[in-house]
C-alpha atoms as a PDB file:
ATOM      1  CA  MET A   1     -95.881  92.116  33.723  1.00  0.00           C
ATOM      2  CA  ASP A   2     -93.906  94.791  31.870  1.00  0.00           C
ATOM      3  CA  SER A   3     -93.157  94.599  28.174  1.00  0.00           C
ATOM      4  CA  LEU A   4     -89.749  93.079  28.888  1.00  0.00           C
ATOM      5  CA  LEU A   5     -88.782  90.489  31.396  1.00  0.00           C
ATOM      6  CA  ASN A   6     -85.478  89.970  33.065  1.00  0.00           C
ATOM      7  CA  PHE A   7     -83.818  86.957  31.435  1.00  0.00           C
ATOM      8  CA  ALA A   8     -81.316  86.511  34.202  1.00  0.00           C
ATOM      9  CA  PHE A   9     -83.759  86.342  37.107  1.00  0.00           C
ATOM     10  CA  CYS A  10     -87.076  85.089  35.669  1.00  0.00           C
ATOM     11  CA  PRO A  11     -88.683  81.736  36.278  1.00  0.00           C
ATOM     12  CA  PRO A  12     -88.518  79.485  33.172  1.00  0.00           C
ATOM     13  CA  GLU A  13     -92.083  80.246  32.021  1.00  0.00           C
ATOM     14  CA  LEU A  14     -91.458  83.997  32.122  1.00  0.00           C
ATOM     15  CA  THR A  15     -88.066  83.618  30.443  1.00  0.00           C
ATOM     16  CA  LYS A  16     -89.826  81.823  27.584  1.00  0.00           C
ATOM     17  CA  MET A  17     -92.281  84.729  27.250  1.00  0.00           C
ATOM     18  CA  ALA A  18     -89.389  87.211  27.218  1.00  0.00           C
ATOM     19  CA  GLU A  19     -87.559  85.223  24.542  1.00  0.00           C
ATOM     20  CA  GLU A  20     -90.718  85.092  22.392  1.00  0.00           C
ATOM     21  CA  TYR A  21     -91.122  88.857  22.791  1.00  0.00           C
ATOM     22  CA  LEU A  22     -87.498  89.399  21.835  1.00  0.00           C
ATOM     23  CA  HIS A  23     -87.783  87.230  18.719  1.00  0.00           C
ATOM     24  CA  LYS A  24     -90.940  89.008  17.565  1.00  0.00           C
ATOM     25  CA  GLN A  25     -89.111  92.310  17.723  1.00  0.00           C
ATOM     26  CA  PHE A  26     -85.739  91.000  16.483  1.00  0.00           C
ATOM     27  CA  PRO A  27     -85.723  87.982  14.202  1.00  0.00           C
ATOM     28  CA  PRO A  28     -82.753  85.701  14.982  1.00  0.00           C
ATOM     29  CA  TYR A  29     -79.593  86.444  13.061  1.00  0.00           C
ATOM     30  CA  VAL A  30     -79.047  83.878  10.317  1.00  0.00           C
ATOM     31  CA  PRO A  31     -75.375  83.738   9.317  1.00  0.00           C
ATOM     32  CA  LYS A  32     -74.404  83.166   5.706  1.00  0.00           C
ATOM     33  CA  LYS A  33     -72.334  80.103   4.899  1.00  0.00           C
ATOM     34  CA  GLY A  34     -68.692  80.708   5.796  1.00  0.00           C
ATOM     35  CA  GLU A  35     -69.486  83.961   7.594  1.00  0.00           C
ATOM     36  CA  GLU A  36     -66.944  84.940  10.247  1.00  0.00           C
ATOM     37  CA  TYR A  37     -68.149  84.698  13.854  1.00  0.00           C
ATOM     38  CA  MET A  38     -68.844  88.065  15.529  1.00  0.00           C
ATOM     39  CA  ASN A  39     -68.322  90.060  12.355  1.00  0.00           C
ATOM     40  CA  PRO A  40     -69.536  93.696  12.236  1.00  0.00           C
ATOM     41  CA  LYS A  41     -73.059  92.674  11.087  1.00  0.00           C
ATOM     42  CA  GLN A  42     -73.486  90.257  13.980  1.00  0.00           C
ATOM     43  CA  LEU A  43     -72.119  92.750  16.475  1.00  0.00           C
ATOM     44  CA  ALA A  44     -74.487  95.436  15.147  1.00  0.00           C
ATOM     45  CA  HIS A  45     -77.414  92.994  15.476  1.00  0.00           C
ATOM     46  CA  PHE A  46     -76.666  92.231  19.113  1.00  0.00           C
ATOM     47  CA  LYS A  47     -75.850  95.853  19.923  1.00  0.00           C
ATOM     48  CA  LYS A  48     -79.270  96.897  18.595  1.00  0.00           C
ATOM     49  CA  ILE A  49     -80.978  94.190  20.691  1.00  0.00           C
ATOM     50  CA  LEU A  50     -79.117  95.219  23.843  1.00  0.00           C
ATOM     51  CA  GLU A  51     -79.720  98.949  23.336  1.00  0.00           C
ATOM     52  CA  THR A  52     -83.436  98.356  22.698  1.00  0.00           C
ATOM     53  CA  LEU A  53     -83.756  96.156  25.786  1.00  0.00           C
ATOM     54  CA  LYS A  54     -82.040  98.796  27.882  1.00  0.00           C
ATOM     55  CA  ALA A  55     -84.223 101.621  26.547  1.00  0.00           C
ATOM     56  CA  GLU A  56     -87.411  99.661  27.232  1.00  0.00           C
ATOM     57  CA  LEU A  57     -86.280  98.721  30.737  1.00  0.00           C
ATOM     58  CA  LEU A  58     -85.460 102.347  31.530  1.00  0.00           C
ATOM     59  CA  GLU A  59     -88.876 103.369  30.204  1.00  0.00           C
ATOM     60  CA  ASP A  60     -90.560 100.755  32.421  1.00  0.00           C
ATOM     61  CA  ILE A  61     -88.647 102.001  35.453  1.00  0.00           C
ATOM     62  CA  GLU A  62     -89.704 105.584  34.697  1.00  0.00           C
ATOM     63  CA  LYS A  63     -93.363 104.511  34.365  1.00  0.00           C
ATOM     64  CA  THR A  64     -93.175 102.701  37.700  1.00  0.00           C
ATOM     65  CA  VAL A  65     -91.807 105.741  39.477  1.00  0.00           C
ATOM     66  CA  HIS A  66     -94.606 107.932  38.118  1.00  0.00           C
ATOM     67  CA  THR A  67     -97.270 105.308  38.859  1.00  0.00           C
ATOM     68  CA  MET A  68     -96.071 104.854  42.430  1.00  0.00           C
ATOM     69  CA  GLN A  69     -96.076 108.621  42.970  1.00  0.00           C
ATOM     70  CA  ASP A  70     -99.556 109.018  41.456  1.00  0.00           C
ATOM     71  CA  GLU A  71    -101.089 106.071  43.303  1.00  0.00           C
ATOM     72  CA  ALA A  72     -99.652 106.830  46.745  1.00  0.00           C
ATOM     73  CA  THR A  73    -102.764 106.496  48.888  1.00  0.00           C
ATOM     74  CA  VAL A  74    -103.087 105.944  52.599  1.00  0.00           C
ATOM     75  CA  PHE A  75    -105.772 103.371  53.245  1.00  0.00           C
ATOM     76  CA  ALA A  76    -107.606 103.277  56.559  1.00  0.00           C
ATOM     77  CA  ASP A  77    -108.383  99.592  56.208  1.00  0.00           C
ATOM     78  CA  PRO A  78    -105.384  97.475  57.304  1.00  0.00           C
ATOM     79  CA  ASN A  79    -106.136  94.853  54.626  1.00  0.00           C
ATOM     80  CA  ASP A  80    -106.097  97.451  51.847  1.00  0.00           C
ATOM     81  CA  ARG A  81    -102.895  98.946  53.228  1.00  0.00           C
ATOM     82  CA  ALA A  82    -101.242  95.500  53.423  1.00  0.00           C
ATOM     83  CA  SER A  83    -102.308  94.732  49.867  1.00  0.00           C
ATOM     84  CA  GLN A  84    -100.880  98.032  48.639  1.00  0.00           C
ATOM     85  CA  GLU A  85     -97.603  97.456  50.508  1.00  0.00           C
ATOM     86  CA  SER A  86     -97.359  93.964  49.043  1.00  0.00           C
ATOM     87  CA  ASP A  87     -97.910  95.322  45.516  1.00  0.00           C
ATOM     88  CA  ILE A  88     -95.282  98.015  46.061  1.00  0.00           C
ATOM     89  CA  ALA A  89     -92.772  95.481  47.423  1.00  0.00           C
ATOM     90  CA  LEU A  90     -93.306  93.233  44.393  1.00  0.00           C
ATOM     91  CA  GLU A  91     -92.937  96.156  42.014  1.00  0.00           C
ATOM     92  CA  LEU A  92     -89.729  97.303  43.728  1.00  0.00           C
ATOM     93  CA  ARG A  93     -88.322  93.765  43.580  1.00  0.00           C
ATOM     94  CA  ASN A  94     -89.039  93.671  39.839  1.00  0.00           C
ATOM     95  CA  ARG A  95     -87.400  97.066  39.338  1.00  0.00           C
ATOM     96  CA  ASP A  96     -84.321  95.845  41.243  1.00  0.00           C
ATOM     97  CA  ARG A  97     -84.079  92.859  38.895  1.00  0.00           C
ATOM     98  CA  GLU A  98     -84.367  95.199  35.940  1.00  0.00           C
ATOM     99  CA  ARG A  99     -81.643  97.419  37.395  1.00  0.00           C
ATOM    100  CA  LYS A 100     -79.368  94.371  37.587  1.00  0.00           C
ATOM    101  CA  LEU A 101     -80.213  93.466  33.997  1.00  0.00           C
ATOM    102  CA  ILE A 102     -79.394  97.004  32.852  1.00  0.00           C
ATOM    103  CA  LYS A 103     -75.978  96.608  34.485  1.00  0.00           C
ATOM    104  CA  LYS A 104     -75.457  93.333  32.568  1.00  0.00           C
ATOM    105  CA  ILE A 105     -76.583  95.022  29.349  1.00  0.00           C
ATOM    106  CA  ASP A 106     -74.060  97.834  29.911  1.00  0.00           C
ATOM    107  CA  GLU A 107     -71.341  95.233  30.497  1.00  0.00           C
ATOM    108  CA  SER A 108     -72.341  93.429  27.287  1.00  0.00           C
ATOM    109  CA  LEU A 109     -72.245  96.683  25.314  1.00  0.00           C
ATOM    110  CA  ALA A 110     -68.762  97.343  26.713  1.00  0.00           C
ATOM    111  CA  ARG A 111     -67.725  93.819  25.613  1.00  0.00           C
ATOM    112  CA  ILE A 112     -68.958  94.627  22.088  1.00  0.00           C
ATOM    113  CA  GLU A 113     -66.838  97.786  22.042  1.00  0.00           C
ATOM    114  CA  SER A 114     -63.764  95.934  23.330  1.00  0.00           C
ATOM    115  CA  GLY A 115     -64.169  93.031  20.869  1.00  0.00           C
ATOM    116  CA  GLU A 116     -64.790  90.457  23.622  1.00  0.00           C
ATOM    117  CA  TYR A 117     -68.527  89.980  23.039  1.00  0.00           C
ATOM    118  CA  GLY A 118     -69.580  86.491  21.985  1.00  0.00           C
ATOM    119  CA  TYR A 119     -66.607  84.739  23.580  1.00  0.00           C
ATOM    120  CA  CYS A 120     -66.653  82.904  26.901  1.00  0.00           C
ATOM    121  CA  GLU A 121     -64.941  84.935  29.597  1.00  0.00           C
ATOM    122  CA  SER A 122     -63.856  81.714  31.315  1.00  0.00           C
ATOM    123  CA  CYS A 123     -62.366  79.598  28.512  1.00  0.00           C
ATOM    124  CA  GLY A 124     -62.391  81.957  25.512  1.00  0.00           C
ATOM    125  CA  VAL A 125     -64.421  79.775  23.110  1.00  0.00           C
ATOM    126  CA  GLU A 126     -67.329  81.063  21.040  1.00  0.00           C
ATOM    127  CA  ILE A 127     -70.555  81.313  23.048  1.00  0.00           C
ATOM    128  CA  GLY A 128     -72.606  80.772  19.895  1.00  0.00           C
ATOM    129  CA  LEU A 129     -75.233  82.794  18.076  1.00  0.00           C
ATOM    130  CA  LYS A 130     -78.174  80.693  19.281  1.00  0.00           C
ATOM    131  CA  ARG A 131     -77.197  81.107  22.932  1.00  0.00           C
ATOM    132  CA  LEU A 132     -76.690  84.851  22.475  1.00  0.00           C
ATOM    133  CA  GLU A 133     -80.073  85.141  20.738  1.00  0.00           C
ATOM    134  CA  ALA A 134     -81.711  83.482  23.764  1.00  0.00           C
ATOM    135  CA  ARG A 135     -79.627  85.381  26.333  1.00  0.00           C
ATOM    136  CA  PRO A 136     -77.893  88.418  24.801  1.00  0.00           C
ATOM    137  CA  THR A 137     -76.060  89.149  28.070  1.00  0.00           C
ATOM    138  CA  ALA A 138     -74.443  85.686  28.262  1.00  0.00           C
ATOM    139  CA  THR A 139     -70.750  85.770  29.145  1.00  0.00           C
ATOM    140  CA  LEU A 140     -70.119  82.023  29.473  1.00  0.00           C
ATOM    141  CA  CYS A 141     -70.335  79.217  26.937  1.00  0.00           C
ATOM    142  CA  ILE A 142     -72.833  76.496  27.754  1.00  0.00           C
ATOM    143  CA  ASP A 143     -70.151  74.125  29.112  1.00  0.00           C
ATOM    144  CA  CYS A 144     -68.692  76.705  31.511  1.00  0.00           C
ATOM    145  CA  LYS A 145     -72.195  77.770  32.575  1.00  0.00           C
ATOM    146  CA  GLU A 146     -73.098  74.154  33.402  1.00  0.00           C
ATOM    147  CA  ILE A 147     -69.918  73.782  35.466  1.00  0.00           C
ATOM    148  CA  GLU A 148     -70.708  77.033  37.299  1.00  0.00           C
ATOM    149  CA  GLU A 149     -74.257  75.865  38.052  1.00  0.00           C
ATOM    150  CA  ARG A 150     -72.993  72.509  39.367  1.00  0.00           C
ATOM    151  CA  ARG A 151     -70.564  74.314  41.680  1.00  0.00           C
ATOM    152  CA  GLU A 152     -73.341  76.586  42.922  1.00  0.00           C
ATOM    153  CA  LYS A 153     -75.522  73.540  43.638  1.00  0.00           C
ATOM    154  CA  GLN A 154     -72.713  71.859  45.568  1.00  0.00           C
ATOM    155  CA  MET A 155     -72.050  75.007  47.610  1.00  0.00           C
ATOM    156  CA  ALA A 156     -75.751  75.268  48.494  1.00  0.00           C
ATOM    157  CA  LYS A 157     -75.811  71.764  50.024  1.00  0.00           C
END
């Protein structure tokens, strides 16, 4: 798969790979004792992560467009054609997930600029550095996210 994976839409095993990739490129922020939450250093750390993720996703999308244009072949064999169509559909589905992630990244960058980044948009408490390291686009604290997931499960039944 591409160099970056979509945290919000990946299966757990791929999310783990994406997190490992992220931590190789950006070591987790270690706050000093008594350091204020979401101070300028922390905000700069997360802004750099988000901007890098966005740039790499845009680069992957650009590569896909060029690859699809270069590899556009009409196969006479129906099996080859079906295989190609399946590959293209999978690639387009991945690009759509990346497009959605880019939108979340843009929203997170806007939250940094407005001073809302790092705080739960539901209850207002701190999301926490560890959660933001794992999912830089998180907008809910773990408690509110669990409640949301329980509601979604109940609605699906």
